[in-house]
Amino acid sequence: MRTANAINPSSRTLLVEVDVDNPDGKLLPGAYTFVHFQLPGRAETVTVPANTLLFRSEGLRVGVVRDGKVDLVPITIGRDYGDKVEVLSGLSHTDQVIVNPSDSLVSGTAVRVQRHKPVGA
C-alpha cells in the first residue's frame, strides 16, 4: 500500500506497509516482519554486459555481428543487475554482441570478430 520512498543504504532495505487478508487474526496491527518475495522467473532470457548498450534517439540498441556486418538491434530490457542487464526481446543466445561499441557505430559497418584470448595465453 505504501513505502518509505527511500532505501536504507546500509541495510539495503525498504520500509513498506502492506495490506493482507488476515481471517485467522494471526497478524497483529502494527507488527513488523521480514518478508521475502519470490519473483517469477523468465525461462528464455539473455543477459548482456551493461557496456554493450547503445542509447539512441530511436531507442535502446545493441550492436550484433551478422554476416560480417554490424546490425543495431532494438532490445527490451528487464532486470538491471548493475554490470549486466536482462534482455527480454531482440536477442538470442547465439547472437555475437559487440562489447564497448563506439557511439558512432552504424548498421552495415563491416567488422572482423576477434576471438577472446584466455588469460595467460
N, C-alpha and C. Protein backbone atom coordinates (compact mmCIF):
# COMPACT_ATOMS: atom_id res chain seq x y z
N MET A 1 0.81 -1.20 0.00
CA MET A 1 0.00 0.00 0.00
C MET A 1 0.86 1.26 0.00
N ARG A 2 1.90 1.29 0.87
CA ARG A 2 2.74 2.48 0.98
C ARG A 2 4.18 2.07 1.24
N THR A 3 5.12 2.96 0.86
CA THR A 3 6.53 2.72 1.16
C THR A 3 7.13 3.98 1.77
N ALA A 4 8.32 3.81 2.33
CA ALA A 4 9.05 4.96 2.88
C ALA A 4 9.67 5.80 1.78
N ASN A 5 9.63 5.32 0.54
CA ASN A 5 10.19 6.00 -0.63
C ASN A 5 11.69 6.24 -0.53
N ALA A 6 12.38 5.46 0.29
CA ALA A 6 13.83 5.58 0.40
C ALA A 6 14.40 4.25 0.87
N ILE A 7 15.44 3.80 0.19
CA ILE A 7 16.12 2.56 0.60
C ILE A 7 17.23 2.91 1.57
N ASN A 8 17.29 2.18 2.67
CA ASN A 8 18.35 2.37 3.65
C ASN A 8 19.65 1.88 3.01
N PRO A 9 20.63 2.76 2.80
CA PRO A 9 21.85 2.35 2.09
C PRO A 9 22.71 1.33 2.84
N SER A 10 22.65 1.32 4.17
CA SER A 10 23.48 0.37 4.90
C SER A 10 22.88 -1.03 4.94
N SER A 11 21.55 -1.13 5.05
CA SER A 11 20.92 -2.45 5.11
C SER A 11 20.30 -2.87 3.79
N ARG A 12 20.22 -1.92 2.84
CA ARG A 12 19.60 -2.17 1.54
C ARG A 12 18.17 -2.67 1.69
N THR A 13 17.44 -2.07 2.64
CA THR A 13 16.05 -2.44 2.88
C THR A 13 15.14 -1.25 2.63
N LEU A 14 13.88 -1.55 2.42
CA LEU A 14 12.87 -0.53 2.18
C LEU A 14 11.70 -0.81 3.12
N LEU A 15 11.33 0.17 3.91
CA LEU A 15 10.20 0.04 4.81
C LEU A 15 8.92 0.17 3.99
N VAL A 16 8.04 -0.83 4.09
CA VAL A 16 6.78 -0.81 3.35
C VAL A 16 5.63 -1.18 4.27
N GLU A 17 4.46 -0.76 3.87
CA GLU A 17 3.24 -1.14 4.57
C GLU A 17 2.39 -1.90 3.57
N VAL A 18 1.96 -3.10 3.95
CA VAL A 18 1.23 -3.98 3.06
C VAL A 18 -0.10 -4.35 3.70
N ASP A 19 -1.17 -4.32 2.93
CA ASP A 19 -2.46 -4.80 3.40
C ASP A 19 -2.61 -6.26 2.98
N VAL A 20 -2.89 -7.14 3.93
CA VAL A 20 -3.06 -8.56 3.63
C VAL A 20 -4.32 -9.07 4.31
N ASP A 21 -4.89 -10.10 3.72
CA ASP A 21 -6.03 -10.76 4.37
C ASP A 21 -5.53 -11.45 5.62
N ASN A 22 -6.31 -11.36 6.71
CA ASN A 22 -5.91 -11.92 8.00
C ASN A 22 -7.13 -12.54 8.69
N PRO A 23 -7.77 -13.53 8.05
CA PRO A 23 -9.01 -14.07 8.60
C PRO A 23 -8.83 -14.76 9.96
N ASP A 24 -7.64 -15.32 10.24
CA ASP A 24 -7.40 -16.02 11.50
C ASP A 24 -6.90 -15.09 12.60
N GLY A 25 -6.61 -13.83 12.26
CA GLY A 25 -6.11 -12.89 13.26
C GLY A 25 -4.70 -13.19 13.74
N LYS A 26 -3.90 -13.90 12.94
CA LYS A 26 -2.53 -14.24 13.34
C LYS A 26 -1.60 -13.03 13.26
N LEU A 27 -1.92 -12.11 12.37
CA LEU A 27 -1.11 -10.91 12.25
C LEU A 27 -1.72 -9.82 13.12
N LEU A 28 -0.88 -9.17 13.93
CA LEU A 28 -1.36 -8.13 14.84
C LEU A 28 -1.13 -6.75 14.24
N PRO A 29 -2.03 -5.82 14.49
CA PRO A 29 -1.85 -4.45 13.96
C PRO A 29 -0.54 -3.85 14.46
N GLY A 30 0.20 -3.20 13.54
CA GLY A 30 1.45 -2.55 13.90
C GLY A 30 2.64 -3.49 14.01
N ALA A 31 2.44 -4.77 13.74
CA ALA A 31 3.52 -5.75 13.86
C ALA A 31 4.51 -5.59 12.71
N TYR A 32 5.76 -5.95 12.97
CA TYR A 32 6.81 -5.92 11.97
C TYR A 32 7.17 -7.36 11.60
N THR A 33 7.61 -7.55 10.38
CA THR A 33 8.03 -8.87 9.95
C THR A 33 9.04 -8.74 8.81
N PHE A 34 9.74 -9.80 8.54
CA PHE A 34 10.60 -9.88 7.36
C PHE A 34 9.87 -10.68 6.32
N VAL A 35 9.82 -10.17 5.11
CA VAL A 35 9.10 -10.82 4.02
C VAL A 35 10.05 -10.97 2.84
N HIS A 36 10.03 -12.12 2.22
CA HIS A 36 10.81 -12.37 1.02
C HIS A 36 9.82 -12.66 -0.10
N PHE A 37 9.89 -11.87 -1.17
CA PHE A 37 9.01 -12.06 -2.31
C PHE A 37 9.72 -12.90 -3.34
N GLN A 38 9.04 -13.93 -3.82
CA GLN A 38 9.60 -14.75 -4.88
C GLN A 38 9.10 -14.19 -6.20
N LEU A 39 10.02 -13.66 -7.01
CA LEU A 39 9.66 -13.09 -8.29
C LEU A 39 9.58 -14.19 -9.33
N PRO A 40 8.64 -14.06 -10.24
CA PRO A 40 8.55 -15.10 -11.28
C PRO A 40 9.77 -15.06 -12.17
N GLY A 41 10.32 -16.23 -12.45
CA GLY A 41 11.48 -16.32 -13.33
C GLY A 41 11.06 -16.28 -14.78
N ARG A 42 11.98 -15.92 -15.61
CA ARG A 42 11.73 -15.91 -17.04
C ARG A 42 12.55 -17.04 -17.65
N ALA A 43 11.89 -17.87 -18.42
CA ALA A 43 12.52 -19.08 -18.93
C ALA A 43 13.63 -18.79 -19.94
N GLU A 44 13.35 -18.05 -20.96
CA GLU A 44 14.31 -17.87 -22.05
C GLU A 44 14.77 -16.42 -22.14
N THR A 45 15.56 -15.98 -21.20
CA THR A 45 16.10 -14.62 -21.27
C THR A 45 17.59 -14.67 -21.51
N VAL A 46 18.09 -13.56 -22.00
CA VAL A 46 19.51 -13.40 -22.28
C VAL A 46 20.01 -12.27 -21.39
N THR A 47 21.22 -12.40 -20.85
CA THR A 47 21.82 -11.27 -20.14
C THR A 47 23.06 -10.85 -20.92
N VAL A 48 23.27 -9.53 -20.95
CA VAL A 48 24.43 -8.97 -21.65
C VAL A 48 25.12 -7.97 -20.73
N PRO A 49 26.41 -7.76 -20.93
CA PRO A 49 27.09 -6.73 -20.14
C PRO A 49 26.45 -5.36 -20.38
N ALA A 50 26.39 -4.55 -19.34
CA ALA A 50 25.80 -3.22 -19.45
C ALA A 50 26.55 -2.35 -20.46
N ASN A 51 27.85 -2.65 -20.66
CA ASN A 51 28.63 -1.83 -21.60
C ASN A 51 28.42 -2.23 -23.06
N THR A 52 27.40 -2.99 -23.35
CA THR A 52 27.03 -3.29 -24.74
C THR A 52 25.88 -2.41 -25.21
N LEU A 53 25.24 -1.69 -24.30
CA LEU A 53 24.03 -0.93 -24.62
C LEU A 53 24.37 0.38 -25.34
N LEU A 54 23.57 0.69 -26.34
CA LEU A 54 23.67 1.95 -27.07
C LEU A 54 22.36 2.71 -26.88
N PHE A 55 22.44 3.89 -26.28
CA PHE A 55 21.26 4.70 -26.03
C PHE A 55 21.11 5.66 -27.21
N ARG A 56 20.12 5.40 -28.04
CA ARG A 56 19.90 6.17 -29.26
C ARG A 56 18.56 6.90 -29.18
N SER A 57 18.41 7.92 -30.00
CA SER A 57 17.16 8.68 -30.02
C SER A 57 15.98 7.79 -30.42
N GLU A 58 16.25 6.78 -31.24
CA GLU A 58 15.18 5.87 -31.66
C GLU A 58 14.95 4.73 -30.66
N GLY A 59 15.72 4.71 -29.58
CA GLY A 59 15.53 3.71 -28.53
C GLY A 59 16.80 2.94 -28.25
N LEU A 60 16.71 2.05 -27.30
CA LEU A 60 17.84 1.24 -26.86
C LEU A 60 18.23 0.24 -27.93
N ARG A 61 19.53 0.14 -28.20
CA ARG A 61 20.06 -0.76 -29.24
C ARG A 61 21.26 -1.52 -28.71
N VAL A 62 21.54 -2.65 -29.34
CA VAL A 62 22.76 -3.43 -29.10
C VAL A 62 23.34 -3.76 -30.47
N GLY A 63 24.66 -3.62 -30.60
CA GLY A 63 25.32 -3.97 -31.84
C GLY A 63 25.58 -5.47 -31.89
N VAL A 64 25.13 -6.09 -32.96
CA VAL A 64 25.29 -7.54 -33.15
C VAL A 64 26.01 -7.76 -34.47
N VAL A 65 26.92 -8.74 -34.51
CA VAL A 65 27.62 -9.08 -35.74
C VAL A 65 26.83 -10.16 -36.46
N ARG A 66 26.44 -9.83 -37.70
CA ARG A 66 25.70 -10.80 -38.54
C ARG A 66 26.28 -10.73 -39.94
N ASP A 67 26.77 -11.85 -40.41
CA ASP A 67 27.36 -11.94 -41.76
C ASP A 67 28.48 -10.92 -41.95
N GLY A 68 29.30 -10.71 -40.92
CA GLY A 68 30.46 -9.83 -41.01
C GLY A 68 30.14 -8.35 -40.97
N LYS A 69 28.90 -8.01 -40.65
CA LYS A 69 28.49 -6.61 -40.58
C LYS A 69 27.73 -6.34 -39.29
N VAL A 70 27.74 -5.06 -38.89
CA VAL A 70 27.03 -4.65 -37.69
C VAL A 70 25.54 -4.53 -37.99
N ASP A 71 24.74 -5.03 -37.07
CA ASP A 71 23.30 -4.84 -37.12
C ASP A 71 22.92 -4.25 -35.76
N LEU A 72 22.40 -3.02 -35.74
CA LEU A 72 21.95 -2.41 -34.50
C LEU A 72 20.54 -2.89 -34.21
N VAL A 73 20.41 -3.71 -33.19
CA VAL A 73 19.17 -4.40 -32.88
C VAL A 73 18.44 -3.68 -31.75
N PRO A 74 17.15 -3.36 -31.94
CA PRO A 74 16.37 -2.80 -30.83
C PRO A 74 16.10 -3.90 -29.81
N ILE A 75 16.27 -3.56 -28.54
CA ILE A 75 16.03 -4.55 -27.49
C ILE A 75 15.11 -3.96 -26.42
N THR A 76 14.54 -4.86 -25.65
CA THR A 76 13.76 -4.50 -24.47
C THR A 76 14.46 -5.13 -23.29
N ILE A 77 14.78 -4.31 -22.28
CA ILE A 77 15.47 -4.86 -21.12
C ILE A 77 14.48 -5.11 -19.98
N GLY A 78 14.88 -6.06 -19.13
CA GLY A 78 14.10 -6.40 -17.95
C GLY A 78 14.83 -5.95 -16.70
N ARG A 79 15.34 -6.90 -15.97
CA ARG A 79 16.04 -6.60 -14.72
C ARG A 79 17.43 -6.04 -14.99
N ASP A 80 17.81 -5.10 -14.14
CA ASP A 80 19.14 -4.48 -14.22
C ASP A 80 19.94 -5.03 -13.05
N TYR A 81 21.03 -5.75 -13.35
CA TYR A 81 21.87 -6.35 -12.33
C TYR A 81 23.12 -5.52 -12.05
N GLY A 82 23.16 -4.29 -12.54
CA GLY A 82 24.32 -3.44 -12.32
C GLY A 82 25.29 -3.51 -13.47
N ASP A 83 26.13 -4.56 -13.47
CA ASP A 83 27.12 -4.70 -14.54
C ASP A 83 26.59 -5.45 -15.75
N LYS A 84 25.38 -5.99 -15.64
CA LYS A 84 24.73 -6.66 -16.77
C LYS A 84 23.23 -6.43 -16.69
N VAL A 85 22.55 -6.63 -17.80
CA VAL A 85 21.11 -6.44 -17.86
C VAL A 85 20.45 -7.64 -18.52
N GLU A 86 19.23 -7.89 -18.13
CA GLU A 86 18.43 -8.95 -18.73
C GLU A 86 17.76 -8.40 -19.98
N VAL A 87 17.85 -9.13 -21.08
CA VAL A 87 17.21 -8.72 -22.33
C VAL A 87 15.98 -9.60 -22.54
N LEU A 88 14.81 -8.95 -22.58
CA LEU A 88 13.56 -9.67 -22.73
C LEU A 88 13.22 -9.97 -24.19
N SER A 89 13.63 -9.07 -25.09
CA SER A 89 13.37 -9.31 -26.51
C SER A 89 14.42 -8.61 -27.36
N GLY A 90 14.66 -9.17 -28.55
CA GLY A 90 15.58 -8.58 -29.50
C GLY A 90 16.85 -9.38 -29.72
N LEU A 91 17.24 -10.22 -28.76
CA LEU A 91 18.47 -11.01 -28.89
C LEU A 91 18.19 -12.49 -28.65
N SER A 92 19.07 -13.31 -29.20
CA SER A 92 19.04 -14.74 -28.91
C SER A 92 20.36 -15.13 -28.25
N HIS A 93 20.41 -16.32 -27.70
CA HIS A 93 21.61 -16.80 -27.02
C HIS A 93 22.81 -16.94 -27.97
N THR A 94 22.54 -17.04 -29.26
CA THR A 94 23.62 -17.26 -30.22
C THR A 94 24.15 -15.98 -30.85
N ASP A 95 23.53 -14.83 -30.57
CA ASP A 95 23.99 -13.57 -31.16
C ASP A 95 25.37 -13.19 -30.63
N GLN A 96 26.21 -12.64 -31.53
CA GLN A 96 27.53 -12.13 -31.16
C GLN A 96 27.38 -10.63 -30.91
N VAL A 97 27.41 -10.25 -29.63
CA VAL A 97 27.17 -8.88 -29.22
C VAL A 97 28.49 -8.11 -29.15
N ILE A 98 28.48 -6.86 -29.58
CA ILE A 98 29.68 -6.02 -29.58
C ILE A 98 29.81 -5.35 -28.21
N VAL A 99 30.95 -5.58 -27.56
CA VAL A 99 31.23 -5.00 -26.24
C VAL A 99 31.91 -3.65 -26.44
N ASN A 100 31.55 -2.67 -25.62
CA ASN A 100 32.10 -1.31 -25.70
C ASN A 100 32.00 -0.71 -27.10
N PRO A 101 30.80 -0.70 -27.67
CA PRO A 101 30.67 -0.15 -29.02
C PRO A 101 30.88 1.36 -29.03
N SER A 102 31.38 1.86 -30.13
CA SER A 102 31.54 3.30 -30.32
C SER A 102 30.17 3.93 -30.45
N ASP A 103 30.01 5.15 -29.95
CA ASP A 103 28.74 5.86 -30.09
C ASP A 103 28.41 6.14 -31.56
N SER A 104 29.43 6.14 -32.41
CA SER A 104 29.21 6.43 -33.83
C SER A 104 28.92 5.17 -34.65
N LEU A 105 28.81 4.02 -34.01
CA LEU A 105 28.57 2.75 -34.70
C LEU A 105 27.24 2.80 -35.44
N VAL A 106 27.25 2.32 -36.70
CA VAL A 106 26.03 2.29 -37.52
C VAL A 106 25.85 0.90 -38.13
N SER A 107 24.61 0.58 -38.41
CA SER A 107 24.31 -0.70 -39.07
C SER A 107 24.98 -0.76 -40.42
N GLY A 108 25.44 -1.93 -40.79
CA GLY A 108 26.07 -2.14 -42.09
C GLY A 108 27.58 -2.00 -42.08
N THR A 109 28.15 -1.51 -40.99
CA THR A 109 29.61 -1.37 -40.90
C THR A 109 30.24 -2.76 -40.91
N ALA A 110 31.26 -2.95 -41.77
CA ALA A 110 31.96 -4.23 -41.82
C ALA A 110 32.83 -4.38 -40.58
N VAL A 111 32.80 -5.57 -39.98
CA VAL A 111 33.60 -5.85 -38.78
C VAL A 111 34.27 -7.21 -38.91
N ARG A 112 35.33 -7.36 -38.14
CA ARG A 112 36.02 -8.65 -38.07
C ARG A 112 35.98 -9.07 -36.61
N VAL A 113 35.52 -10.27 -36.35
CA VAL A 113 35.40 -10.78 -34.99
C VAL A 113 36.77 -11.22 -34.50
N GLN A 114 37.15 -10.71 -33.34
CA GLN A 114 38.42 -11.11 -32.73
C GLN A 114 38.09 -12.05 -31.59
N ARG A 115 38.64 -13.22 -31.63
CA ARG A 115 38.37 -14.22 -30.59
C ARG A 115 39.03 -13.81 -29.29
N HIS A 116 38.34 -14.07 -28.20
CA HIS A 116 38.86 -13.76 -26.86
C HIS A 116 39.99 -14.72 -26.53
N LYS A 117 41.11 -14.17 -26.05
CA LYS A 117 42.24 -15.00 -25.64
C LYS A 117 42.18 -15.22 -24.15
N PRO A 118 42.31 -16.46 -23.69
CA PRO A 118 42.31 -16.73 -22.25
C PRO A 118 43.46 -16.03 -21.55
N VAL A 119 43.26 -15.67 -20.30
CA VAL A 119 44.30 -15.03 -19.51
C VAL A 119 45.49 -15.96 -19.39
N GLY A 120 46.70 -15.44 -19.63
CA GLY A 120 47.90 -16.24 -19.52
C GLY A 120 48.29 -16.95 -20.81
N ALA A 121 47.46 -16.80 -21.84
CA ALA A 121 47.76 -17.50 -23.11
C ALA A 121 48.63 -16.64 -24.00
